[in-house]
Protein backbone atom coordinates (compact mmCIF):
# COMPACT_ATOMS: atom_id res chain seq x y z
CA MET A 1 -0.37 0.05 -0.26
CA GLN A 2 3.25 1.99 1.23
CA ARG A 3 4.53 1.52 -2.08
CA TYR A 4 1.51 2.04 -5.07
CA GLY A 5 -1.06 4.27 -3.76
CA SER A 6 -4.06 3.87 -1.30
CA LEU A 7 -6.88 1.25 -2.57
CA ASN A 8 -10.17 -0.63 -0.80
CA SER A 9 -8.09 -3.74 -0.06
CA LYS A 10 -10.58 -5.63 0.15
CA LYS A 11 -13.45 -4.53 -2.62
CA PHE A 12 -10.32 -4.07 -4.42
CA SER A 13 -8.56 -8.15 -3.30
CA SER A 14 -12.42 -9.44 -3.96
CA GLY A 15 -13.02 -7.80 -7.18
CA LEU A 16 -8.97 -8.84 -8.76
CA SER A 17 -9.87 -13.01 -7.29
CA GLU A 18 -12.94 -13.56 -9.59
CA PRO A 19 -11.81 -16.04 -11.80
CA MET A 20 -10.26 -15.02 -15.54
CA GLU A 21 -12.85 -16.41 -18.15
CA LYS A 22 -13.14 -15.63 -21.07
CA ASP A 23 -17.40 -15.54 -20.94
CA ALA A 24 -19.08 -11.84 -20.76
CA SER A 25 -20.78 -12.62 -17.30
CA SER A 26 -17.60 -13.47 -15.47
CA ASN A 27 -15.91 -10.50 -17.67
CA ARG A 28 -19.26 -8.13 -15.68
CA LYS A 29 -19.00 -9.48 -12.81
CA VAL A 30 -15.23 -8.35 -11.93
CA ILE A 31 -15.61 -5.25 -13.63
CA GLU A 32 -19.27 -4.35 -11.76
CA LYS A 33 -16.49 -4.89 -8.52
CA LEU A 34 -13.54 -2.65 -9.65
CA GLU A 35 -16.16 -0.02 -10.63
CA SER A 36 -17.50 -0.17 -7.46
CA ILE A 37 -14.05 0.78 -5.46
CA PRO A 38 -13.45 4.65 -4.69
CA GLU A 39 -11.10 5.93 -6.49
CA THR A 40 -10.57 8.63 -9.06
CA VAL A 41 -12.91 6.86 -11.65
CA HIS A 42 -16.19 8.14 -10.20
CA SER A 43 -15.51 11.49 -10.83
CA LEU A 44 -15.38 10.85 -15.21
CA SER A 45 -17.72 12.09 -16.97
CA ASP A 46 -20.96 9.48 -17.19
CA GLU A 47 -19.78 9.85 -21.34
CA LYS A 48 -16.49 8.70 -20.37
CA LYS A 49 -17.81 4.92 -18.46
CA PHE A 50 -18.75 2.07 -19.78
CA GLU A 51 -22.27 1.09 -20.49
CA SER A 52 -21.20 -2.27 -20.58
CA PRO A 53 -18.17 -4.40 -19.99
CA PRO A 54 -15.23 -4.21 -22.12
CA PRO A 55 -14.48 -6.37 -24.42
CA TRP A 56 -11.67 -9.41 -23.10
CA LYS A 57 -8.86 -7.22 -24.75
CA SER A 58 -9.26 -4.05 -23.69
CA SER A 59 -6.93 -3.78 -21.71
CA SER A 60 -5.85 -0.93 -21.06
CA VAL A 61 -8.82 0.32 -18.53
CA SER A 62 -8.69 -3.22 -16.96
CA LEU A 63 -6.50 -4.28 -13.59
CA ALA A 64 -3.93 -2.79 -15.30
CA PHE A 65 -5.20 0.99 -14.29
CA PHE A 66 -6.16 0.15 -10.61
CA LEU A 67 -2.53 -1.95 -10.19
CA SER A 68 -1.20 1.58 -11.03
CA LYS A 69 -0.19 3.42 -8.05
CA ASP A 70 -0.79 7.37 -9.67
CA GLY A 71 -4.51 6.27 -11.88
CA ASP A 72 -6.12 9.60 -12.64
CA ASP A 73 -9.00 10.63 -14.58
CA GLU A 74 -6.26 12.21 -17.17
CA ARG A 75 -4.70 9.01 -17.53
CA LEU A 76 -7.87 6.30 -17.48
CA GLU A 77 -9.08 9.04 -20.32
CA LYS A 78 -6.20 8.80 -22.34
CA ALA A 79 -6.01 4.80 -21.84
CA VAL A 80 -9.47 4.36 -23.32
CA THR A 81 -8.61 6.08 -26.61
CA GLU A 82 -5.15 4.23 -26.84
CA ASN A 83 -7.35 1.37 -26.07
CA SER A 84 -9.49 2.34 -29.12
CA ASP A 85 -6.70 3.30 -31.53
CA ASP A 86 -5.43 0.03 -30.64
CA SER A 87 -8.18 -2.18 -31.54
CA GLN A 88 -9.01 -0.82 -34.52
CA LYS A 89 -5.61 -1.80 -35.61
CA SER A 90 -5.67 -4.77 -34.35
CA ASP A 91 -9.36 -6.23 -35.88
CA ASN A 92 -7.65 -8.35 -38.57
CA LEU A 93 -5.17 -9.86 -36.15
CA THR A 94 -5.87 -11.66 -32.70
CA ILE A 95 -2.73 -11.88 -30.01
CA PRO A 96 -2.40 -15.34 -29.29
CA GLU A 97 -4.11 -15.48 -25.53
CA ASP A 98 -1.15 -16.88 -23.81
CA PHE A 99 0.38 -14.16 -24.84
CA LEU A 100 -1.64 -12.13 -22.84
CA CYS A 101 -1.45 -11.12 -19.07
CA PRO A 102 -4.27 -12.38 -17.22
CA ILE A 103 -4.44 -9.23 -14.86
CA SER A 104 -3.27 -6.91 -17.25
CA LEU A 105 -4.67 -8.72 -21.12
CA GLU A 106 -1.59 -6.48 -22.66
CA LEU A 107 0.60 -7.92 -24.31
CA MET A 108 3.03 -8.96 -22.18
CA LYS A 109 7.09 -8.18 -21.77
CA ASP A 110 8.35 -9.63 -18.99
CA PRO A 111 6.28 -12.64 -17.91
CA ALA A 112 7.15 -15.04 -14.90
CA ILE A 113 5.46 -17.82 -13.32
CA VAL A 114 3.84 -18.18 -10.19
CA SER A 115 4.39 -21.64 -8.11
CA THR A 116 1.15 -23.00 -10.25
CA GLY A 117 3.06 -22.28 -13.02
CA GLN A 118 0.66 -19.62 -14.47
CA THR A 119 2.15 -16.80 -15.78
CA TYR A 120 1.67 -13.33 -15.98
CA GLU A 121 3.24 -10.00 -16.90
CA ARG A 122 5.93 -9.62 -13.55
CA SER A 123 4.95 -6.22 -12.49
CA PHE A 124 1.59 -7.29 -11.97
CA ILE A 125 2.31 -9.38 -10.14
CA GLN A 126 4.60 -8.24 -7.81
CA ARG A 127 1.68 -5.50 -7.73
CA TRP A 128 -0.79 -8.31 -7.00
CA ILE A 129 1.47 -9.83 -4.34
CA ASP A 130 2.51 -7.05 -2.75
CA CYS A 131 -1.23 -5.73 -1.70
CA GLY A 132 -1.54 -8.81 0.67
CA ASN A 133 -2.94 -11.32 -1.91
CA LEU A 134 -2.03 -15.64 -1.04
CA SER A 135 -3.75 -16.62 -4.14
CA CYS A 136 -2.79 -17.51 -7.68
CA PRO A 137 -5.54 -14.56 -9.52
CA LYS A 138 -6.55 -17.11 -12.20
CA THR A 139 -6.55 -20.77 -10.36
CA GLN A 140 -7.11 -19.02 -6.44
CA GLN A 141 -4.78 -21.62 -5.63
CA LYS A 142 -2.47 -21.11 -2.68
CA LEU A 143 0.48 -19.44 -3.73
CA GLU A 144 3.16 -21.99 -1.73
CA ASN A 145 5.88 -19.54 -2.31
CA PHE A 146 6.56 -15.97 -3.54
CA THR A 147 9.66 -16.91 -6.35
CA LEU A 148 8.69 -15.67 -9.49
CA THR A 149 10.53 -17.42 -12.10
CA PRO A 150 11.16 -15.31 -15.75
CA ASN A 151 9.48 -17.61 -18.55
CA TYR A 152 12.09 -17.16 -21.28
CA VAL A 153 10.81 -19.40 -23.66
CA LEU A 154 7.48 -17.31 -23.37
CA ARG A 155 9.43 -14.16 -23.85
CA SER A 156 10.58 -15.19 -26.85
CA LEU A 157 7.74 -16.17 -28.82
CA ILE A 158 6.24 -13.72 -28.20
CA SER A 159 9.48 -11.30 -29.94
CA GLN A 160 9.08 -13.15 -32.37
CA TRP A 161 5.24 -13.67 -33.19
CA CYS A 162 6.05 -9.04 -32.78
CA THR A 163 8.68 -9.20 -35.55
CA LYS A 164 6.45 -11.73 -38.17
CA HIS A 165 3.19 -9.59 -37.61
CA ASN A 166 5.55 -6.31 -37.43
CA ILE A 167 4.33 -4.71 -33.76
CA GLU A 168 6.20 -3.26 -31.64
CA GLN A 169 7.23 -4.79 -29.28
CA PRO A 170 6.78 -3.96 -25.77
CA GLY A 171 9.41 -1.74 -24.77
CA GLY A 172 9.88 -0.28 -28.33
CA TYR A 173 11.88 -2.74 -29.88
CA MET A 174 10.73 -3.79 -33.24
CA ASN A 175 11.44 -5.79 -36.25
CA GLY A 176 15.40 -5.54 -35.38
CA ARG A 177 14.91 -1.72 -34.42
CA THR A 178 14.50 1.24 -31.42
CA LYS A 179 12.66 4.14 -31.82
CA ASN A 180 14.96 7.43 -31.56
CA SER A 181 12.76 10.42 -29.88
CA ASP A 182 12.14 11.47 -33.68
CA GLY A 183 9.66 8.36 -34.07
CA SER A 184 11.96 7.39 -36.41
CA PHE A 185 13.77 3.63 -36.14
CA ARG A 186 17.54 2.47 -36.01
CA ASP A 187 17.88 -1.12 -37.21
CA LEU A 188 19.45 -2.49 -34.45
CA SER A 189 19.24 -6.23 -35.77
CA GLY A 190 22.83 -7.70 -36.48
CA ASP A 191 23.31 -5.77 -32.34
CA MET A 192 20.84 -7.57 -31.47
CA SER A 193 21.49 -11.33 -31.92
CA ALA A 194 25.08 -10.35 -31.11
CA ILE A 195 23.85 -9.17 -27.37
CA ARG A 196 21.35 -12.79 -27.72
CA ALA A 197 24.03 -14.77 -27.98
CA LEU A 198 26.69 -12.98 -25.66
CA VAL A 199 23.57 -13.36 -22.67
CA CYS A 200 22.65 -17.20 -23.58
CA LYS A 201 26.34 -17.28 -22.76
CA LEU A 202 26.37 -15.80 -19.24
CA SER A 203 24.64 -19.06 -18.05
CA SER A 204 27.09 -21.63 -19.22
CA GLN A 205 28.59 -23.90 -17.55
CA SER A 206 32.29 -23.04 -18.86
CA ILE A 207 33.07 -20.17 -16.47
CA GLU A 208 35.96 -18.91 -19.43
CA ASP A 209 32.61 -18.59 -21.33
CA ARG A 210 30.78 -17.02 -18.31
CA ARG A 211 33.56 -14.39 -18.03
CA THR A 212 34.38 -13.51 -21.24
CA ALA A 213 30.61 -12.72 -22.29
CA VAL A 214 29.69 -10.76 -19.29
CA SER A 215 32.50 -8.55 -20.11
CA GLU A 216 31.80 -7.99 -23.35
CA ILE A 217 28.60 -7.18 -22.22
CA ARG A 218 29.81 -4.93 -19.79
CA SER A 219 31.44 -2.99 -22.23
CA LEU A 220 28.11 -2.33 -24.40
CA SER A 221 26.39 -1.44 -21.48
CA LYS A 222 28.39 1.16 -21.27
CA ARG A 223 28.79 2.67 -24.93
CA SER A 224 25.17 3.59 -25.54
CA THR A 225 21.26 3.51 -24.56
CA ASP A 226 20.66 1.34 -27.30
CA ASN A 227 22.45 -0.72 -26.05
CA ARG A 228 21.31 -1.31 -22.62
CA ILE A 229 17.85 -1.03 -23.94
CA LEU A 230 19.13 -4.21 -26.31
CA ILE A 231 21.16 -5.55 -23.38
CA ALA A 232 18.19 -5.89 -21.33
CA GLU A 233 15.12 -6.90 -24.13
CA ALA A 234 17.50 -10.23 -23.71
CA GLY A 235 16.88 -10.78 -20.75
CA ALA A 236 19.42 -10.11 -19.58
CA ILE A 237 18.90 -8.74 -16.12
CA PRO A 238 18.03 -11.62 -13.85
CA VAL A 239 20.92 -13.91 -15.33
CA LEU A 240 23.42 -11.07 -14.09
CA VAL A 241 21.73 -10.77 -11.30
CA LYS A 242 22.48 -14.76 -10.62
CA LEU A 243 26.05 -13.82 -11.26
CA LEU A 244 26.08 -11.69 -8.41
CA THR A 245 26.44 -14.51 -6.19
CA SER A 246 28.98 -16.12 -8.00
CA ASP A 247 31.55 -18.00 -5.25
CA GLY A 248 35.12 -17.33 -5.78
CA ASP A 249 34.52 -15.70 -8.75
CA THR A 250 35.56 -12.06 -8.38
CA GLU A 251 36.23 -11.06 -12.36
CA THR A 252 32.82 -12.27 -12.89
CA GLN A 253 31.11 -10.84 -9.80
CA GLU A 254 33.06 -7.35 -10.11
CA ASN A 255 31.41 -6.75 -14.20
CA ALA A 256 28.15 -8.41 -13.08
CA VAL A 257 27.64 -5.50 -10.86
CA THR A 258 29.23 -2.89 -13.58
CA CYS A 259 26.89 -4.30 -15.96
CA ILE A 260 23.74 -3.90 -13.72
CA LEU A 261 24.79 -0.32 -13.00
CA ASN A 262 25.23 0.97 -16.62
CA LEU A 263 21.91 -1.05 -17.15
CA SER A 264 20.16 1.30 -14.30
CA ILE A 265 21.72 4.04 -16.50
CA TYR A 266 18.13 3.88 -18.35
CA GLU A 267 15.46 4.61 -16.29
CA HIS A 268 12.89 1.51 -17.47
CA ASN A 269 16.15 -0.68 -16.60
CA LYS A 270 15.23 -0.05 -12.99
CA GLU A 271 12.21 -1.58 -12.78
CA LEU A 272 13.51 -4.52 -14.14
CA ILE A 273 16.88 -4.44 -11.92
CA MET A 274 14.22 -4.04 -9.00
CA LEU A 275 11.70 -6.50 -10.43
CA ALA A 276 14.78 -9.38 -10.24
CA GLY A 277 15.23 -9.55 -7.38
CA ALA A 278 18.68 -7.80 -7.34
CA VAL A 279 18.51 -5.48 -4.25
CA THR A 280 19.50 -8.72 -1.69
CA SER A 281 22.30 -9.92 -3.88
CA ILE A 282 24.10 -6.26 -4.53
CA VAL A 283 24.43 -5.78 -0.70
CA LEU A 284 26.09 -8.88 -0.61
CA VAL A 285 28.59 -7.24 -3.01
CA LEU A 286 28.54 -4.74 -0.44
CA ARG A 287 29.60 -6.20 1.80
CA ALA A 288 32.13 -8.72 0.56
CA GLY A 289 32.89 -7.56 -2.64
CA SER A 290 36.26 -6.47 -3.52
CA MET A 291 36.90 -2.86 -3.71
CA GLU A 292 35.77 -2.26 -6.90
CA ALA A 293 33.02 -4.20 -6.55
CA ARG A 294 32.10 -2.85 -3.75
CA GLU A 295 31.81 0.67 -5.40
CA ASN A 296 30.31 -0.24 -8.02
CA ALA A 297 27.81 -1.70 -6.25
CA ALA A 298 26.67 1.73 -3.96
CA ALA A 299 26.87 3.42 -7.19
CA THR A 300 24.04 1.26 -8.09
CA LEU A 301 22.02 1.67 -4.90
CA PHE A 302 22.35 4.94 -5.45
CA SER A 303 20.85 4.86 -8.93
CA LEU A 304 18.27 2.44 -8.14
CA SER A 305 17.38 4.99 -4.79
CA LEU A 306 16.55 7.67 -7.37
CA ALA A 307 13.02 6.18 -7.73
CA ASP A 308 11.38 6.89 -4.85
CA GLU A 309 9.45 3.98 -4.21
CA ASN A 310 13.03 2.41 -3.89
CA LYS A 311 14.35 3.91 -1.17
CA ILE A 312 11.92 2.15 1.22
CA ILE A 313 13.51 -2.02 -0.05
CA ILE A 314 16.69 -0.60 -0.09
CA GLY A 315 16.07 1.06 3.08
CA ALA A 316 15.03 -2.20 4.31
CA SER A 317 17.08 -4.58 2.43
CA GLY A 318 20.01 -3.59 5.47
CA ALA A 319 22.39 -1.84 2.49
CA ILE A 320 22.31 1.29 4.82
CA MET A 321 24.69 -0.17 7.33
CA ALA A 322 26.84 -2.15 4.63
CA LEU A 323 26.62 1.50 3.01
CA VAL A 324 28.23 2.82 6.41
CA ASP A 325 30.88 0.73 6.33
CA LEU A 326 32.04 1.90 3.06
CA LEU A 327 31.94 5.10 3.99
CA GLN A 328 34.36 4.82 6.83
CA TYR A 329 36.87 2.29 5.61
CA GLY A 330 36.33 1.47 1.73
CA SER A 331 38.80 3.38 -0.79
CA VAL A 332 37.96 6.98 -1.70
CA ARG A 333 35.72 6.42 -4.50
CA GLY A 334 34.10 4.20 -2.49
CA LYS A 335 33.56 6.13 0.89
CA LYS A 336 32.38 9.57 -1.90
CA ASP A 337 29.90 6.64 -3.70
CA ALA A 338 29.09 5.58 -0.32
CA ALA A 339 27.68 8.75 0.96
CA THR A 340 26.35 9.71 -2.51
CA ALA A 341 23.63 6.65 -1.42
CA LEU A 342 23.70 7.32 1.95
CA PHE A 343 21.99 10.87 1.02
CA ASN A 344 19.49 9.76 -1.28
CA LEU A 345 18.65 6.58 0.77
CA CYS A 346 18.10 9.65 3.64
CA ILE A 347 15.67 12.12 2.24
CA TYR A 348 13.52 9.02 2.91
CA GLN A 349 12.04 9.86 6.69
CA GLY A 350 12.42 6.14 7.60
CA ASN A 351 16.12 5.48 6.43
CA LYS A 352 17.12 7.83 8.88
CA GLY A 353 17.18 6.07 11.73
CA ARG A 354 18.08 3.26 9.84
CA ALA A 355 21.01 5.44 9.74
CA VAL A 356 21.53 6.66 13.38
CA ARG A 357 21.49 3.40 14.21
CA ALA A 358 24.50 2.40 12.28
CA GLY A 359 26.03 4.61 13.56
CA ILE A 360 26.84 6.99 10.12
CA VAL A 361 26.91 10.03 12.52
CA LYS A 362 30.42 9.29 14.36
CA PRO A 363 32.52 9.11 10.61
CA LEU A 364 30.10 12.19 9.22
CA VAL A 365 31.29 14.63 12.51
CA LYS A 366 35.16 12.83 11.77
CA MET A 367 35.21 14.29 8.21
CA LEU A 368 34.32 17.67 9.32
CA THR A 369 37.25 17.86 10.85
CA ASP A 370 39.70 15.06 8.23
CA SER A 371 42.36 17.09 6.98
CA SER A 372 43.28 14.33 4.70
CA SER A 373 43.58 14.05 1.28
CA GLU A 374 40.87 12.90 0.67
CA ARG A 375 38.77 15.27 2.80
CA MET A 376 34.93 14.91 2.31
CA ALA A 377 33.50 17.47 4.59
CA ASP A 378 30.86 18.48 1.28
CA GLU A 379 29.95 15.23 1.55
CA ALA A 380 29.65 14.99 5.38
CA LEU A 381 27.56 18.53 5.33
CA THR A 382 25.36 17.43 3.01
CA ILE A 383 23.57 14.02 4.46
CA LEU A 384 23.94 15.75 8.53
CA SER A 385 21.73 18.67 6.98
CA VAL A 386 19.50 15.48 5.57
CA LEU A 387 19.58 14.07 9.02
CA ALA A 388 19.01 16.47 11.24
CA SER A 389 15.83 17.53 10.94
CA ASN A 390 15.27 13.53 12.90
CA GLN A 391 14.91 13.68 16.46
CA VAL A 392 17.02 10.38 17.09
CA ALA A 393 19.69 11.76 14.48
CA LYS A 394 19.51 15.41 15.87
CA THR A 395 20.18 13.63 19.45
CA ALA A 396 22.48 11.52 18.16
CA ILE A 397 24.56 14.34 16.41
CA LEU A 398 24.58 16.20 19.93
CA ARG A 399 26.63 13.04 21.61
CA ALA A 400 28.84 13.30 19.11
CA ASN A 401 29.92 16.80 20.33
CA ALA A 402 29.63 18.54 16.57
CA ILE A 403 29.03 21.50 17.19
CA PRO A 404 32.46 23.08 17.42
CA PRO A 405 33.71 21.98 14.06
CA LEU A 406 30.35 23.17 12.45
CA ILE A 407 31.19 26.40 13.64
CA ASP A 408 34.90 26.13 12.53
CA CYS A 409 32.50 25.16 8.83
CA LEU A 410 30.25 28.40 9.47
CA GLN A 411 33.49 30.25 9.38
CA LYS A 412 36.62 28.95 6.76
CA ASP A 413 34.07 27.32 4.13
CA GLN A 414 32.61 27.05 0.62
CA PRO A 415 29.50 28.97 0.26
CA ARG A 416 27.31 26.02 0.31
CA ASN A 417 29.35 24.12 3.59
CA ARG A 418 29.02 27.24 4.82
CA GLU A 419 24.55 27.38 4.49
CA ASN A 420 24.81 23.21 5.64
CA ALA A 421 26.86 24.23 8.55
CA ALA A 422 24.40 27.00 9.77
CA ALA A 423 20.96 24.99 8.19
CA ILE A 424 22.52 22.03 11.04
CA LEU A 425 22.70 24.33 13.84
CA LEU A 426 19.27 25.87 13.24
CA CYS A 427 17.99 22.47 13.27
CA LEU A 428 19.77 21.29 16.64
CA CYS A 429 19.56 24.20 18.49
CA LYS A 430 15.97 25.72 17.96
CA ARG A 431 14.10 25.61 21.35
CA ASP A 432 17.25 24.73 23.48
CA THR A 433 18.52 28.14 25.03
CA GLU A 434 20.97 25.98 26.27
CA LYS A 435 23.11 25.02 22.81
CA LEU A 436 22.35 28.71 21.94
CA ILE A 437 24.31 30.12 24.20
CA SER A 438 26.99 27.38 24.04
CA ILE A 439 27.24 28.37 20.18
CA GLY A 440 27.60 32.24 20.81
CA ARG A 441 30.11 31.64 23.61
CA LEU A 442 31.77 28.88 20.80
CA GLY A 443 32.01 32.38 18.31
CA ALA A 444 28.92 32.09 16.07
CA VAL A 445 27.71 35.04 15.82
CA VAL A 446 29.96 36.59 13.10
CA PRO A 447 30.33 34.24 10.93
CA LEU A 448 26.44 33.86 10.81
CA MET A 449 26.39 38.10 10.43
CA GLU A 450 28.68 37.36 7.30
CA LEU A 451 26.27 35.44 6.16
CA SER A 452 23.35 36.53 6.43
CA ARG A 453 24.89 39.65 4.26
CA ASP A 454 26.75 37.36 1.66
CA GLY A 455 25.85 34.37 1.53
CA THR A 456 22.97 32.08 -0.36
CA GLU A 457 19.85 32.99 -0.27
CA ARG A 458 19.11 29.88 1.91
CA ALA A 459 22.09 30.66 4.28
CA LYS A 460 20.85 33.79 4.76
CA ARG A 461 17.64 32.47 6.02
CA LYS A 462 19.56 30.30 9.18
CA ALA A 463 21.31 32.68 9.88
CA ASN A 464 18.51 35.84 10.11
CA SER A 465 17.02 32.69 12.00
CA LEU A 466 19.46 31.63 14.16
CA LEU A 467 20.43 35.14 14.63
CA GLU A 468 16.76 35.64 16.25
CA LEU A 469 17.43 32.70 18.16
CA LEU A 470 20.19 34.37 19.37
CA ARG A 471 18.66 37.13 20.62
CA LYS A 472 15.89 35.90 22.46
CA SER A 473 17.64 34.00 24.29
CA SER A 474 20.49 36.60 25.01
CA ARG A 475 16.73 39.15 26.29
CA LYS A 476 16.02 35.82 28.39
CA LEU A 477 19.23 35.66 29.14
CA GLY A 478 19.41 38.81 30.78
CA SER A 479 16.12 39.11 32.44
CA LEU A 480 17.27 36.90 34.53
């Protein structure tokens, strides 16, 4: 619910739990139950509502809409229009029933098998499970486990069928071509054939074949967006995730995690990586891999965490503890990668407490006074400025005796760092007269006055607020 938005879960589950039969009466029952859900669709004008149940293949406005996390009237109206257009195009072409996801009723792009043997579009069955459902939507059998196994055979058949009928495949790859931003197509059939061959070698019994294939895929994934699309389309992501746990094969592990990092640059691939269950394996690499592998694992977590919903999943995976360890003991690059990932994860309120419990505060405060060549005061101040609004983090920062080094940064550091130092001090000293008096005695007044005159707009606001609090505390102290 937290990941995909609020829904009336009982009615929602009941509506989706209807057996997926092809007769009109069953379809009518499903639609009637779904229409009873008090969501945004009730505000549609009468002419936009269906007077009768849509055909079985009217996919865009069926269960897929209710499983989406950002459904609104505009999207539904667009879905109805697109569905109408698609139905006109496909009047003379029937999509094989096995190629359609039983939940979304759409052509599958990443078919996955559940424990009952049924195949669904991975993203939709994952959301069905995440909503708390324990049974197979089609058969109503209880799911013995929630493992989703890629159906590579069906995916290949769908790809071949799309190519044969000159239909754009899910993901924008059609008939050996990929679509450019201007709507034109680029011929990539030769590249796709080579990439499919490499992906097959990733599962080879030969260690050398696997090493060669993953090394070449790493190189390809670094070069262009087209390659990142094609590598994902070829089904490489789940296989690369398995290679992350290659026992004793450090080279393969390093290349595999770097491939995933490169692939994650393309936005759509982020979802595929998350759906492949990659986070757990990436965290294992972050804890026990070589230094290069740990650096790239941290960078991968940062890339994936750019999607807000992924911040929650990554934070709950144990990644924060491993990132804090890399922040303390990693290489220069490793520390910077860890700091970047931690900053992004801590934007989510629920991860701030996890970071504090993982011991993030002490190394950050230490970095403020670190005079070594890899000084990371910038990164430390940025993370502390995010953490300081949390009460648990605030207490930990004060216990780490952070105020003196923060005042030093206020006096002599770069403009952005002075701004962050002022913001942190304001959070620490607000509603605490004793702390306000303390920063006054430590020499904060003069640099705050300078910052209020020549700092950034945010720095001026923070400095003026602190100065006002200092004046009030002085008057209060004088009256006593």
